Amino acid sequence: MALNFKDVVEEKQIPDGFIKVTDRPIQGLSSEQKAILNRRGNVFFNNGDIESARRIYLTTGYSDGLIRVGDEYAKKKQTLKALKMYTLAHNTSKVEPIYEKIAATIGSLLKDDDNMKEK
């Protein structure tokens, strides 16, 4: 028996495996389906279930949601997770400072390594 998408969402039962975790949103979702899922993701997010919200936002490609998830990761000092969310959302204004911080850290490590070799 085929699942009716609307019935599944209305019953708040999303089968395991429906929400993908790859970097590209599902192409076959209609605008209505994306809107329904994004609203569900917003409920998860607002209730503190960031990981469920993240999975939905990845599925739909909802950039604002991905940015909010990235902001939550950033607050928890999970910089690489935040970077991934910002990158997937194509938000260069949030990505660039992280890249600069990574570059500065690597530069500092290389400088320290050079100083240690001189001693």
N, C-alpha and C. Protein backbone atom coordinates (compact mmCIF):
# COMPACT_ATOMS: atom_id res chain seq x y z
N MET A 1 0.85 -1.17 0.00
CA MET A 1 0.00 0.00 0.00
C MET A 1 0.89 1.24 0.00
N ALA A 2 0.62 2.16 -0.91
CA ALA A 2 1.40 3.39 -1.02
C ALA A 2 0.99 4.38 0.07
N LEU A 3 1.98 5.10 0.57
CA LEU A 3 1.70 6.12 1.58
C LEU A 3 1.24 7.40 0.91
N ASN A 4 0.20 8.00 1.42
CA ASN A 4 -0.25 9.29 0.95
C ASN A 4 0.53 10.33 1.75
N PHE A 5 1.29 11.17 1.07
CA PHE A 5 2.17 12.13 1.71
C PHE A 5 1.43 13.00 2.71
N LYS A 6 0.28 13.52 2.31
CA LYS A 6 -0.48 14.43 3.17
C LYS A 6 -0.93 13.72 4.44
N ASP A 7 -1.40 12.46 4.31
CA ASP A 7 -1.83 11.70 5.47
C ASP A 7 -0.68 11.47 6.45
N VAL A 8 0.49 11.16 5.91
CA VAL A 8 1.65 10.92 6.75
C VAL A 8 2.01 12.17 7.54
N VAL A 9 2.02 13.32 6.87
CA VAL A 9 2.37 14.57 7.55
C VAL A 9 1.30 14.94 8.57
N GLU A 10 0.03 14.82 8.18
CA GLU A 10 -1.05 15.19 9.10
C GLU A 10 -1.04 14.31 10.35
N GLU A 11 -0.67 13.04 10.20
CA GLU A 11 -0.61 12.15 11.36
C GLU A 11 0.70 12.32 12.11
N LYS A 12 1.56 13.19 11.60
CA LYS A 12 2.85 13.48 12.22
C LYS A 12 3.72 12.24 12.30
N GLN A 13 3.60 11.37 11.31
CA GLN A 13 4.40 10.16 11.23
C GLN A 13 5.22 10.22 9.96
N ILE A 14 6.47 10.50 10.10
CA ILE A 14 7.35 10.51 8.95
C ILE A 14 8.15 9.22 9.02
N PRO A 15 7.96 8.32 8.04
CA PRO A 15 8.64 7.02 8.10
C PRO A 15 10.15 7.17 8.12
N ASP A 16 10.81 6.23 8.82
CA ASP A 16 12.27 6.21 8.84
C ASP A 16 12.79 6.13 7.42
N GLY A 17 13.83 6.87 7.15
CA GLY A 17 14.43 6.82 5.82
C GLY A 17 13.82 7.81 4.84
N PHE A 18 12.70 8.42 5.17
CA PHE A 18 12.09 9.36 4.24
C PHE A 18 12.94 10.62 4.11
N ILE A 19 13.44 11.08 5.23
CA ILE A 19 14.22 12.31 5.22
C ILE A 19 15.67 11.93 4.97
N LYS A 20 16.19 12.36 3.86
CA LYS A 20 17.56 12.00 3.50
C LYS A 20 18.55 12.91 4.21
N VAL A 21 19.76 12.47 4.26
CA VAL A 21 20.79 13.23 4.97
C VAL A 21 21.95 13.60 4.06
N THR A 22 21.73 13.62 2.76
CA THR A 22 22.78 14.04 1.84
C THR A 22 22.73 15.55 1.68
N ASP A 23 23.64 16.07 0.87
CA ASP A 23 23.78 17.51 0.75
C ASP A 23 22.83 18.16 -0.26
N ARG A 24 22.12 17.38 -1.03
CA ARG A 24 21.23 17.96 -2.04
C ARG A 24 19.78 17.73 -1.68
N PRO A 25 18.93 18.76 -1.81
CA PRO A 25 17.51 18.57 -1.51
C PRO A 25 16.86 17.62 -2.53
N ILE A 26 15.78 17.00 -2.10
CA ILE A 26 15.02 16.11 -2.99
C ILE A 26 14.40 16.96 -4.09
N GLN A 27 14.62 16.56 -5.34
CA GLN A 27 14.13 17.34 -6.47
C GLN A 27 12.64 17.11 -6.73
N GLY A 28 12.09 15.97 -6.33
CA GLY A 28 10.72 15.65 -6.67
C GLY A 28 9.65 16.23 -5.75
N LEU A 29 10.04 17.01 -4.76
CA LEU A 29 9.04 17.58 -3.85
C LEU A 29 8.38 18.79 -4.47
N SER A 30 7.07 18.85 -4.34
CA SER A 30 6.34 20.03 -4.82
C SER A 30 6.54 21.17 -3.82
N SER A 31 6.17 22.36 -4.22
CA SER A 31 6.26 23.52 -3.32
C SER A 31 5.40 23.31 -2.09
N GLU A 32 4.24 22.70 -2.27
CA GLU A 32 3.34 22.44 -1.14
C GLU A 32 3.98 21.45 -0.17
N GLN A 33 4.60 20.40 -0.70
CA GLN A 33 5.25 19.42 0.15
C GLN A 33 6.41 20.04 0.91
N LYS A 34 7.20 20.87 0.23
CA LYS A 34 8.31 21.55 0.90
C LYS A 34 7.79 22.45 2.01
N ALA A 35 6.72 23.17 1.74
CA ALA A 35 6.16 24.08 2.75
C ALA A 35 5.69 23.30 3.98
N ILE A 36 5.03 22.17 3.74
CA ILE A 36 4.55 21.35 4.85
C ILE A 36 5.73 20.83 5.67
N LEU A 37 6.74 20.32 4.98
CA LEU A 37 7.91 19.82 5.70
C LEU A 37 8.65 20.93 6.42
N ASN A 38 8.79 22.08 5.79
CA ASN A 38 9.48 23.20 6.45
C ASN A 38 8.74 23.65 7.70
N ARG A 39 7.41 23.67 7.64
CA ARG A 39 6.64 24.00 8.85
C ARG A 39 6.90 22.98 9.95
N ARG A 40 6.95 21.71 9.55
CA ARG A 40 7.24 20.65 10.52
C ARG A 40 8.65 20.85 11.10
N GLY A 41 9.60 21.18 10.23
CA GLY A 41 10.96 21.46 10.68
C GLY A 41 11.00 22.63 11.65
N ASN A 42 10.20 23.65 11.38
CA ASN A 42 10.15 24.81 12.28
C ASN A 42 9.61 24.41 13.65
N VAL A 43 8.63 23.51 13.67
CA VAL A 43 8.10 23.02 14.95
C VAL A 43 9.20 22.30 15.72
N PHE A 44 9.91 21.40 15.03
CA PHE A 44 11.03 20.71 15.68
C PHE A 44 12.04 21.71 16.21
N PHE A 45 12.43 22.67 15.38
CA PHE A 45 13.44 23.66 15.76
C PHE A 45 12.98 24.44 16.99
N ASN A 46 11.74 24.93 16.95
CA ASN A 46 11.22 25.73 18.06
C ASN A 46 11.08 24.93 19.35
N ASN A 47 10.94 23.61 19.22
CA ASN A 47 10.86 22.74 20.39
C ASN A 47 12.24 22.24 20.84
N GLY A 48 13.29 22.73 20.19
CA GLY A 48 14.64 22.38 20.59
C GLY A 48 15.19 21.11 19.95
N ASP A 49 14.44 20.49 19.05
CA ASP A 49 14.92 19.29 18.37
C ASP A 49 15.64 19.72 17.09
N ILE A 50 16.84 20.22 17.27
CA ILE A 50 17.61 20.81 16.18
C ILE A 50 17.97 19.77 15.13
N GLU A 51 18.29 18.56 15.56
CA GLU A 51 18.71 17.52 14.60
C GLU A 51 17.57 17.09 13.68
N SER A 52 16.36 16.97 14.20
CA SER A 52 15.23 16.63 13.34
C SER A 52 14.93 17.77 12.37
N ALA A 53 15.03 18.99 12.86
CA ALA A 53 14.82 20.16 12.00
C ALA A 53 15.88 20.18 10.90
N ARG A 54 17.13 19.90 11.27
CA ARG A 54 18.23 19.89 10.30
C ARG A 54 17.96 18.89 9.19
N ARG A 55 17.51 17.71 9.55
CA ARG A 55 17.25 16.67 8.55
C ARG A 55 16.16 17.12 7.57
N ILE A 56 15.15 17.77 8.08
CA ILE A 56 14.08 18.24 7.20
C ILE A 56 14.59 19.37 6.31
N TYR A 57 15.31 20.31 6.89
CA TYR A 57 15.82 21.43 6.09
C TYR A 57 16.79 20.95 5.01
N LEU A 58 17.58 19.92 5.31
CA LEU A 58 18.44 19.34 4.28
C LEU A 58 17.61 18.72 3.16
N THR A 59 16.51 18.08 3.54
CA THR A 59 15.64 17.43 2.57
C THR A 59 15.03 18.43 1.61
N THR A 60 14.60 19.55 2.15
CA THR A 60 13.90 20.54 1.34
C THR A 60 14.83 21.60 0.75
N GLY A 61 16.05 21.70 1.28
CA GLY A 61 16.97 22.73 0.82
C GLY A 61 16.60 24.11 1.34
N TYR A 62 15.94 24.16 2.50
CA TYR A 62 15.47 25.41 3.09
C TYR A 62 16.63 26.18 3.71
N SER A 63 17.13 27.17 2.99
CA SER A 63 18.35 27.86 3.41
C SER A 63 18.19 28.62 4.73
N ASP A 64 17.06 29.27 4.94
CA ASP A 64 16.88 30.00 6.20
C ASP A 64 16.94 29.04 7.39
N GLY A 65 16.34 27.88 7.23
CA GLY A 65 16.37 26.87 8.30
C GLY A 65 17.79 26.37 8.53
N LEU A 66 18.52 26.12 7.44
CA LEU A 66 19.89 25.66 7.57
C LEU A 66 20.76 26.69 8.28
N ILE A 67 20.52 27.96 8.00
CA ILE A 67 21.27 29.03 8.66
C ILE A 67 20.95 29.05 10.15
N ARG A 68 19.68 28.91 10.49
CA ARG A 68 19.31 28.88 11.92
C ARG A 68 19.96 27.70 12.63
N VAL A 69 19.99 26.53 11.98
CA VAL A 69 20.65 25.37 12.57
C VAL A 69 22.15 25.67 12.72
N GLY A 70 22.75 26.26 11.70
CA GLY A 70 24.16 26.64 11.78
C GLY A 70 24.42 27.58 12.94
N ASP A 71 23.52 28.53 13.14
CA ASP A 71 23.66 29.47 14.27
C ASP A 71 23.63 28.73 15.61
N GLU A 72 22.78 27.71 15.71
CA GLU A 72 22.72 26.92 16.94
C GLU A 72 24.03 26.17 17.16
N TYR A 73 24.57 25.59 16.09
CA TYR A 73 25.86 24.91 16.20
C TYR A 73 26.94 25.90 16.61
N ALA A 74 26.92 27.08 16.03
CA ALA A 74 27.93 28.10 16.35
C ALA A 74 27.85 28.48 17.83
N LYS A 75 26.64 28.61 18.36
CA LYS A 75 26.48 28.94 19.78
C LYS A 75 27.10 27.86 20.67
N LYS A 76 27.06 26.61 20.20
CA LYS A 76 27.60 25.48 20.97
C LYS A 76 29.07 25.23 20.66
N LYS A 77 29.69 26.16 19.93
CA LYS A 77 31.11 26.06 19.55
C LYS A 77 31.37 24.84 18.66
N GLN A 78 30.38 24.43 17.89
CA GLN A 78 30.53 23.34 16.91
C GLN A 78 30.73 23.98 15.54
N THR A 79 31.90 24.58 15.38
CA THR A 79 32.18 25.43 14.24
C THR A 79 32.12 24.69 12.90
N LEU A 80 32.66 23.49 12.84
CA LEU A 80 32.65 22.77 11.57
C LEU A 80 31.24 22.37 11.15
N LYS A 81 30.40 22.00 12.12
CA LYS A 81 29.00 21.71 11.80
C LYS A 81 28.30 22.97 11.31
N ALA A 82 28.58 24.07 11.97
CA ALA A 82 28.00 25.35 11.55
C ALA A 82 28.45 25.70 10.14
N LEU A 83 29.74 25.51 9.87
CA LEU A 83 30.28 25.79 8.54
C LEU A 83 29.55 24.99 7.47
N LYS A 84 29.29 23.73 7.75
CA LYS A 84 28.59 22.89 6.77
C LYS A 84 27.19 23.46 6.49
N MET A 85 26.46 23.82 7.53
CA MET A 85 25.11 24.34 7.34
C MET A 85 25.13 25.64 6.55
N TYR A 86 26.06 26.54 6.89
CA TYR A 86 26.16 27.81 6.18
C TYR A 86 26.55 27.60 4.71
N THR A 87 27.44 26.64 4.48
CA THR A 87 27.86 26.34 3.11
C THR A 87 26.69 25.79 2.30
N LEU A 88 25.94 24.87 2.89
CA LEU A 88 24.78 24.30 2.19
C LEU A 88 23.72 25.36 1.91
N ALA A 89 23.64 26.37 2.78
CA ALA A 89 22.68 27.45 2.61
C ALA A 89 23.21 28.54 1.67
N HIS A 90 24.46 28.38 1.22
CA HIS A 90 25.10 29.36 0.33
C HIS A 90 25.16 30.75 0.98
N ASN A 91 25.49 30.77 2.27
CA ASN A 91 25.57 32.03 3.01
C ASN A 91 27.03 32.41 3.20
N THR A 92 27.56 33.13 2.23
CA THR A 92 28.98 33.50 2.27
C THR A 92 29.32 34.45 3.42
N SER A 93 28.36 35.24 3.85
CA SER A 93 28.65 36.18 4.94
C SER A 93 28.91 35.46 6.26
N LYS A 94 28.40 34.25 6.40
CA LYS A 94 28.67 33.47 7.62
C LYS A 94 29.85 32.51 7.40
N VAL A 95 30.08 32.11 6.15
CA VAL A 95 31.15 31.17 5.84
C VAL A 95 32.52 31.84 5.91
N GLU A 96 32.65 33.02 5.34
CA GLU A 96 33.95 33.69 5.24
C GLU A 96 34.64 33.89 6.59
N PRO A 97 33.96 34.37 7.64
CA PRO A 97 34.66 34.54 8.92
C PRO A 97 35.19 33.21 9.48
N ILE A 98 34.47 32.12 9.23
CA ILE A 98 34.94 30.82 9.71
C ILE A 98 36.19 30.41 8.94
N TYR A 99 36.17 30.60 7.61
CA TYR A 99 37.36 30.30 6.81
C TYR A 99 38.55 31.12 7.29
N GLU A 100 38.32 32.39 7.59
CA GLU A 100 39.40 33.25 8.05
C GLU A 100 39.95 32.75 9.40
N LYS A 101 39.07 32.32 10.27
CA LYS A 101 39.49 31.80 11.57
C LYS A 101 40.30 30.52 11.41
N ILE A 102 39.85 29.64 10.50
CA ILE A 102 40.59 28.40 10.23
C ILE A 102 41.97 28.72 9.66
N ALA A 103 42.01 29.65 8.71
CA ALA A 103 43.28 30.03 8.10
C ALA A 103 44.23 30.62 9.13
N ALA A 104 43.71 31.47 10.02
CA ALA A 104 44.55 32.07 11.07
C ALA A 104 45.08 31.00 12.02
N THR A 105 44.24 30.04 12.35
CA THR A 105 44.67 28.95 13.24
C THR A 105 45.78 28.13 12.60
N ILE A 106 45.58 27.78 11.33
CA ILE A 106 46.61 27.01 10.62
C ILE A 106 47.89 27.82 10.51
N GLY A 107 47.77 29.11 10.19
CA GLY A 107 48.95 29.98 10.12
C GLY A 107 49.69 30.03 11.43
N SER A 108 48.95 30.11 12.53
CA SER A 108 49.56 30.15 13.85
C SER A 108 50.29 28.84 14.15
N LEU A 109 49.66 27.72 13.78
CA LEU A 109 50.30 26.42 14.00
C LEU A 109 51.58 26.29 13.18
N LEU A 110 51.53 26.75 11.94
CA LEU A 110 52.72 26.68 11.09
C LEU A 110 53.84 27.56 11.64
N LYS A 111 53.46 28.74 12.13
CA LYS A 111 54.45 29.66 12.70
C LYS A 111 55.08 29.04 13.94
N ASP A 112 54.24 28.44 14.81
CA ASP A 112 54.75 27.78 16.01
C ASP A 112 55.68 26.62 15.64
N ASP A 113 55.33 25.89 14.60
CA ASP A 113 56.14 24.76 14.14
C ASP A 113 57.50 25.26 13.66
N ASP A 114 57.50 26.36 12.90
CA ASP A 114 58.76 26.95 12.42
C ASP A 114 59.62 27.41 13.60
N ASN A 115 59.00 28.03 14.60
CA ASN A 115 59.73 28.49 15.78
C ASN A 115 60.34 27.32 16.55
N MET A 116 59.62 26.22 16.62
CA MET A 116 60.12 25.03 17.33
C MET A 116 61.31 24.44 16.58
N LYS A 117 61.28 24.47 15.27
CA LYS A 117 62.39 23.91 14.48
C LYS A 117 63.65 24.73 14.64
N GLU A 118 63.49 26.06 14.84
CA GLU A 118 64.66 26.94 14.99
C GLU A 118 65.36 26.72 16.32
N LYS A 119 64.68 26.24 17.32
CA LYS A 119 65.24 26.08 18.65
C LYS A 119 66.06 24.86 18.74
